[in-house]
Amino acid sequence: MLKLFDSSLRLFVVPLSVATIWITVTNKEDNSSYGMLKYSNLSGLKYMVFISALCAGYALVAVACSWVKYAVSKAWIFFISDQILAYLVVTSVAAVMEIYYLAYNGAKEDSWSEACSSYGKFCNRVKLALILHFFTFGCFLVLAVISAFRAFSLFDPPLLNSQEVEQVRG
């Protein structure tokens, strides 16, 4: 049952990541006063697209490997890979949240005005992509817990001698 849930979560990551990529890459808005704004103007959005592609590719490979008999025993590989991907998704979520915050609120002390009043459609699509990417992070967080359980359940719990038990109780 855990294996099916694991595979389902991994497969769920693929459409989330593809949707994030599509929404971000096709995001552009032209403003007569300020000009064209597109995703490629912002490095944080390009980073999110890269991480989303990495997530989708890894999820597909991981699902395929999880159903191959010899790869199932490689719990540590899944554990480390899931941890790395979860952290990478966190970094890209943080980068895009910063972009969205600055676009929505501006930074008055740095003389940056907010941009969402001029580029509303662009900001709304960034927000949608960010939400989808955050769901991807949620999937990888759960996958990291599952893979940690699988990796560490291979070992027996440490044995305590009677003196250590008394010290813990007393």
C-alpha atoms as a PDB file:
ATOM      1  CA  MET A   1       0.000   0.000   0.000  1.00  0.00           C
ATOM      2  CA  LEU A   2       2.877   2.372   0.851  1.00  0.00           C
ATOM      3  CA  LYS A   3       4.525   1.588  -2.478  1.00  0.00           C
ATOM      4  CA  LEU A   4       1.332   2.467  -4.349  1.00  0.00           C
ATOM      5  CA  PHE A   5       0.955   5.731  -2.401  1.00  0.00           C
ATOM      6  CA  ASP A   6       4.621   6.551  -3.067  1.00  0.00           C
ATOM      7  CA  SER A   7       4.238   5.928  -6.806  1.00  0.00           C
ATOM      8  CA  SER A   8       0.989   7.897  -6.936  1.00  0.00           C
ATOM      9  CA  LEU A   9       2.616  10.904  -5.269  1.00  0.00           C
ATOM     10  CA  ARG A  10       5.548  10.715  -7.659  1.00  0.00           C
ATOM     11  CA  LEU A  11       3.199  10.576 -10.633  1.00  0.00           C
ATOM     12  CA  PHE A  12       1.178  13.477  -9.202  1.00  0.00           C
ATOM     13  CA  VAL A  13       4.367  15.582  -9.202  1.00  0.00           C
ATOM     14  CA  VAL A  14       4.661  15.286 -12.985  1.00  0.00           C
ATOM     15  CA  PRO A  15       1.499  17.200 -13.995  1.00  0.00           C
ATOM     16  CA  LEU A  16       2.092  19.729 -11.212  1.00  0.00           C
ATOM     17  CA  SER A  17       5.596  20.389 -12.509  1.00  0.00           C
ATOM     18  CA  VAL A  18       4.540  20.457 -16.158  1.00  0.00           C
ATOM     19  CA  ALA A  19       1.720  22.905 -15.352  1.00  0.00           C
ATOM     20  CA  THR A  20       4.143  25.087 -13.385  1.00  0.00           C
ATOM     21  CA  ILE A  21       6.545  25.127 -16.329  1.00  0.00           C
ATOM     22  CA  TRP A  22       3.819  25.870 -18.883  1.00  0.00           C
ATOM     23  CA  ILE A  23       2.230  28.666 -16.842  1.00  0.00           C
ATOM     24  CA  THR A  24       5.608  30.259 -16.161  1.00  0.00           C
ATOM     25  CA  VAL A  25       7.117  29.947 -19.641  1.00  0.00           C
ATOM     26  CA  THR A  26       4.016  31.322 -21.363  1.00  0.00           C
ATOM     27  CA  ASN A  27       3.704  34.168 -18.871  1.00  0.00           C
ATOM     28  CA  LYS A  28       4.212  37.582 -20.446  1.00  0.00           C
ATOM     29  CA  GLU A  29       2.438  40.887 -20.418  1.00  0.00           C
ATOM     30  CA  ASP A  30       2.938  44.028 -22.411  1.00  0.00           C
ATOM     31  CA  ASN A  31       2.335  47.414 -20.831  1.00  0.00           C
ATOM     32  CA  SER A  32       2.287  50.532 -22.987  1.00  0.00           C
ATOM     33  CA  SER A  33       3.985  52.578 -20.243  1.00  0.00           C
ATOM     34  CA  TYR A  34       6.678  50.135 -19.095  1.00  0.00           C
ATOM     35  CA  GLY A  35       7.130  47.601 -21.892  1.00  0.00           C
ATOM     36  CA  MET A  36       7.093  43.813 -22.107  1.00  0.00           C
ATOM     37  CA  LEU A  37       7.565  41.666 -19.015  1.00  0.00           C
ATOM     38  CA  LYS A  38       8.180  37.951 -19.463  1.00  0.00           C
ATOM     39  CA  TYR A  39       9.453  35.130 -17.317  1.00  0.00           C
ATOM     40  CA  SER A  40      12.911  35.163 -18.869  1.00  0.00           C
ATOM     41  CA  ASN A  41      13.486  38.654 -17.435  1.00  0.00           C
ATOM     42  CA  LEU A  42      13.504  37.214 -13.904  1.00  0.00           C
ATOM     43  CA  SER A  43      16.162  34.689 -12.928  1.00  0.00           C
ATOM     44  CA  GLY A  44      14.059  33.340 -10.052  1.00  0.00           C
ATOM     45  CA  LEU A  45      11.361  32.251 -12.486  1.00  0.00           C
ATOM     46  CA  LYS A  46      13.934  30.616 -14.760  1.00  0.00           C
ATOM     47  CA  TYR A  47      15.277  28.768 -11.702  1.00  0.00           C
ATOM     48  CA  MET A  48      11.760  27.565 -10.835  1.00  0.00           C
ATOM     49  CA  VAL A  49      11.277  26.266 -14.380  1.00  0.00           C
ATOM     50  CA  PHE A  50      14.585  24.385 -14.162  1.00  0.00           C
ATOM     51  CA  ILE A  51      13.713  22.852 -10.776  1.00  0.00           C
ATOM     52  CA  SER A  52      10.221  21.924 -12.010  1.00  0.00           C
ATOM     53  CA  ALA A  53      11.719  20.133 -15.012  1.00  0.00           C
ATOM     54  CA  LEU A  54      14.157  18.350 -12.718  1.00  0.00           C
ATOM     55  CA  CYS A  55      11.276  17.299 -10.431  1.00  0.00           C
ATOM     56  CA  ALA A  56       9.190  15.930 -13.301  1.00  0.00           C
ATOM     57  CA  GLY A  57      12.109  14.001 -14.779  1.00  0.00           C
ATOM     58  CA  TYR A  58      13.206  12.606 -11.437  1.00  0.00           C
ATOM     59  CA  ALA A  59       9.636  11.605 -10.529  1.00  0.00           C
ATOM     60  CA  LEU A  60       9.249   9.607 -13.747  1.00  0.00           C
ATOM     61  CA  VAL A  61      12.602   7.869 -13.323  1.00  0.00           C
ATOM     62  CA  ALA A  62      11.887   7.153  -9.643  1.00  0.00           C
ATOM     63  CA  VAL A  63       8.497   5.583 -10.422  1.00  0.00           C
ATOM     64  CA  ALA A  64      10.057   3.373 -13.067  1.00  0.00           C
ATOM     65  CA  CYS A  65      12.898   2.364 -10.740  1.00  0.00           C
ATOM     66  CA  SER A  66      10.595   1.697  -7.804  1.00  0.00           C
ATOM     67  CA  TRP A  67       8.787  -1.018  -9.730  1.00  0.00           C
ATOM     68  CA  VAL A  68      12.021  -2.722 -10.867  1.00  0.00           C
ATOM     69  CA  LYS A  69      12.869  -5.506  -8.440  1.00  0.00           C
ATOM     70  CA  TYR A  70      16.583  -4.786  -7.920  1.00  0.00           C
ATOM     71  CA  ALA A  71      16.045  -1.035  -7.514  1.00  0.00           C
ATOM     72  CA  VAL A  72      13.570  -1.439  -4.651  1.00  0.00           C
ATOM     73  CA  SER A  73      16.393  -2.384  -2.281  1.00  0.00           C
ATOM     74  CA  LYS A  74      18.109   0.940  -2.996  1.00  0.00           C
ATOM     75  CA  ALA A  75      16.188   2.767  -0.253  1.00  0.00           C
ATOM     76  CA  TRP A  76      19.135   5.055   0.506  1.00  0.00           C
ATOM     77  CA  ILE A  77      19.276   6.351  -3.059  1.00  0.00           C
ATOM     78  CA  PHE A  78      15.601   7.330  -2.903  1.00  0.00           C
ATOM     79  CA  PHE A  79      16.069   8.830   0.546  1.00  0.00           C
ATOM     80  CA  ILE A  80      18.976  11.048  -0.506  1.00  0.00           C
ATOM     81  CA  SER A  81      17.400  11.987  -3.857  1.00  0.00           C
ATOM     82  CA  ASP A  82      14.053  12.874  -2.296  1.00  0.00           C
ATOM     83  CA  GLN A  83      15.783  15.005   0.331  1.00  0.00           C
ATOM     84  CA  ILE A  84      17.806  16.867  -2.282  1.00  0.00           C
ATOM     85  CA  LEU A  85      14.768  17.519  -4.481  1.00  0.00           C
ATOM     86  CA  ALA A  86      12.697  18.699  -1.510  1.00  0.00           C
ATOM     87  CA  TYR A  87      15.407  21.199  -0.570  1.00  0.00           C
ATOM     88  CA  LEU A  88      15.791  22.401  -4.167  1.00  0.00           C
ATOM     89  CA  VAL A  89      12.045  22.972  -4.418  1.00  0.00           C
ATOM     90  CA  VAL A  90      12.167  24.962  -1.154  1.00  0.00           C
ATOM     91  CA  THR A  91      14.874  27.207  -2.594  1.00  0.00           C
ATOM     92  CA  SER A  92      12.940  27.842  -5.795  1.00  0.00           C
ATOM     93  CA  VAL A  93       9.711  28.524  -3.870  1.00  0.00           C
ATOM     94  CA  ALA A  94      11.606  31.034  -1.735  1.00  0.00           C
ATOM     95  CA  ALA A  95      13.108  32.750  -4.788  1.00  0.00           C
ATOM     96  CA  VAL A  96       9.739  33.130  -6.508  1.00  0.00           C
ATOM     97  CA  MET A  97       8.029  34.230  -3.293  1.00  0.00           C
ATOM     98  CA  GLU A  98      10.588  37.020  -3.030  1.00  0.00           C
ATOM     99  CA  ILE A  99       9.903  38.075  -6.619  1.00  0.00           C
ATOM    100  CA  TYR A 100       6.165  37.988  -6.037  1.00  0.00           C
ATOM    101  CA  TYR A 101       6.454  39.929  -2.778  1.00  0.00           C
ATOM    102  CA  LEU A 102       8.540  42.656  -4.405  1.00  0.00           C
ATOM    103  CA  ALA A 103       6.238  42.836  -7.425  1.00  0.00           C
ATOM    104  CA  TYR A 104       3.173  43.061  -5.196  1.00  0.00           C
ATOM    105  CA  ASN A 105       4.506  45.378  -2.460  1.00  0.00           C
ATOM    106  CA  GLY A 106       7.592  47.005  -3.925  1.00  0.00           C
ATOM    107  CA  ALA A 107      10.514  48.146  -1.790  1.00  0.00           C
ATOM    108  CA  LYS A 108       9.994  51.814  -1.009  1.00  0.00           C
ATOM    109  CA  GLU A 109      13.337  52.171   0.822  1.00  0.00           C
ATOM    110  CA  ASP A 110      15.119  51.017  -2.341  1.00  0.00           C
ATOM    111  CA  SER A 111      12.933  53.167  -4.597  1.00  0.00           C
ATOM    112  CA  TRP A 112      11.246  50.129  -6.156  1.00  0.00           C
ATOM    113  CA  SER A 113       7.582  50.583  -6.782  1.00  0.00           C
ATOM    114  CA  GLU A 114       5.184  47.691  -6.911  1.00  0.00           C
ATOM    115  CA  ALA A 115       4.565  46.245 -10.365  1.00  0.00           C
ATOM    116  CA  CYS A 116       1.381  44.209  -9.977  1.00  0.00           C
ATOM    117  CA  SER A 117      -0.866  47.199 -10.596  1.00  0.00           C
ATOM    118  CA  SER A 118       0.784  47.592 -14.012  1.00  0.00           C
ATOM    119  CA  TYR A 119       1.297  43.879 -14.711  1.00  0.00           C
ATOM    120  CA  GLY A 120      -1.709  42.280 -13.007  1.00  0.00           C
ATOM    121  CA  LYS A 121      -2.057  39.317 -15.365  1.00  0.00           C
ATOM    122  CA  PHE A 122       1.647  38.526 -15.049  1.00  0.00           C
ATOM    123  CA  CYS A 123       1.479  38.626 -11.234  1.00  0.00           C
ATOM    124  CA  ASN A 124      -1.604  36.412 -11.135  1.00  0.00           C
ATOM    125  CA  ARG A 125       0.091  33.783 -13.286  1.00  0.00           C
ATOM    126  CA  VAL A 126       3.224  33.914 -11.120  1.00  0.00           C
ATOM    127  CA  LYS A 127       1.000  33.408  -8.097  1.00  0.00           C
ATOM    128  CA  LEU A 128      -0.690  30.390  -9.717  1.00  0.00           C
ATOM    129  CA  ALA A 129       2.653  28.868 -10.706  1.00  0.00           C
ATOM    130  CA  LEU A 130       3.925  29.445  -7.171  1.00  0.00           C
ATOM    131  CA  ILE A 131       0.897  27.670  -5.689  1.00  0.00           C
ATOM    132  CA  LEU A 132       1.381  24.675  -7.996  1.00  0.00           C
ATOM    133  CA  HIS A 133       5.079  24.600  -7.178  1.00  0.00           C
ATOM    134  CA  PHE A 134       4.253  24.711  -3.480  1.00  0.00           C
ATOM    135  CA  PHE A 135       2.044  21.629  -3.942  1.00  0.00           C
ATOM    136  CA  THR A 136       5.031  19.968  -5.606  1.00  0.00           C
ATOM    137  CA  PHE A 137       7.027  20.773  -2.486  1.00  0.00           C
ATOM    138  CA  GLY A 138       4.282  19.201  -0.350  1.00  0.00           C
ATOM    139  CA  CYS A 139       4.511  16.017  -2.403  1.00  0.00           C
ATOM    140  CA  PHE A 140       8.278  15.889  -2.052  1.00  0.00           C
ATOM    141  CA  LEU A 141       8.017  16.532   1.682  1.00  0.00           C
ATOM    142  CA  VAL A 142       5.750  13.504   2.077  1.00  0.00           C
ATOM    143  CA  LEU A 143       7.981  11.485  -0.271  1.00  0.00           C
ATOM    144  CA  ALA A 144      11.025  12.416   1.819  1.00  0.00           C
ATOM    145  CA  VAL A 145       9.280  11.120   4.948  1.00  0.00           C
ATOM    146  CA  ILE A 146       8.263   7.887   3.192  1.00  0.00           C
ATOM    147  CA  SER A 147      11.749   7.295   1.809  1.00  0.00           C
ATOM    148  CA  ALA A 148      13.266   8.053   5.233  1.00  0.00           C
ATOM    149  CA  PHE A 149      10.934   5.492   6.788  1.00  0.00           C
ATOM    150  CA  ARG A 150      11.959   2.923   4.174  1.00  0.00           C
ATOM    151  CA  ALA A 151      15.673   3.630   4.547  1.00  0.00           C
ATOM    152  CA  PHE A 152      15.752   3.604   8.332  1.00  0.00           C
ATOM    153  CA  SER A 153      13.364   0.687   8.760  1.00  0.00           C
ATOM    154  CA  LEU A 154      16.062  -1.555   7.298  1.00  0.00           C
ATOM    155  CA  PHE A 155      17.858  -1.356  10.641  1.00  0.00           C
ATOM    156  CA  ASP A 156      16.883  -2.734  14.019  1.00  0.00           C
ATOM    157  CA  PRO A 157      16.425  -0.233  16.832  1.00  0.00           C
ATOM    158  CA  PRO A 158      19.440   0.126  19.137  1.00  0.00           C
ATOM    159  CA  LEU A 159      19.477  -2.197  22.094  1.00  0.00           C
ATOM    160  CA  LEU A 160      19.802  -0.757  25.574  1.00  0.00           C
ATOM    161  CA  ASN A 161      21.323  -2.701  28.414  1.00  0.00           C
ATOM    162  CA  SER A 162      19.593  -2.738  31.798  1.00  0.00           C
ATOM    163  CA  GLN A 163      21.799   0.053  33.249  1.00  0.00           C
ATOM    164  CA  GLU A 164      20.904   2.421  30.384  1.00  0.00           C
ATOM    165  CA  VAL A 165      17.202   1.631  30.848  1.00  0.00           C
ATOM    166  CA  GLU A 166      17.437   2.495  34.546  1.00  0.00           C
ATOM    167  CA  GLN A 167      19.232   5.757  33.752  1.00  0.00           C
ATOM    168  CA  VAL A 168      16.544   6.735  31.252  1.00  0.00           C
ATOM    169  CA  ARG A 169      13.754   5.931  33.761  1.00  0.00           C
ATOM    170  CA  GLY A 170      15.430   7.428  36.803  1.00  0.00           C
END
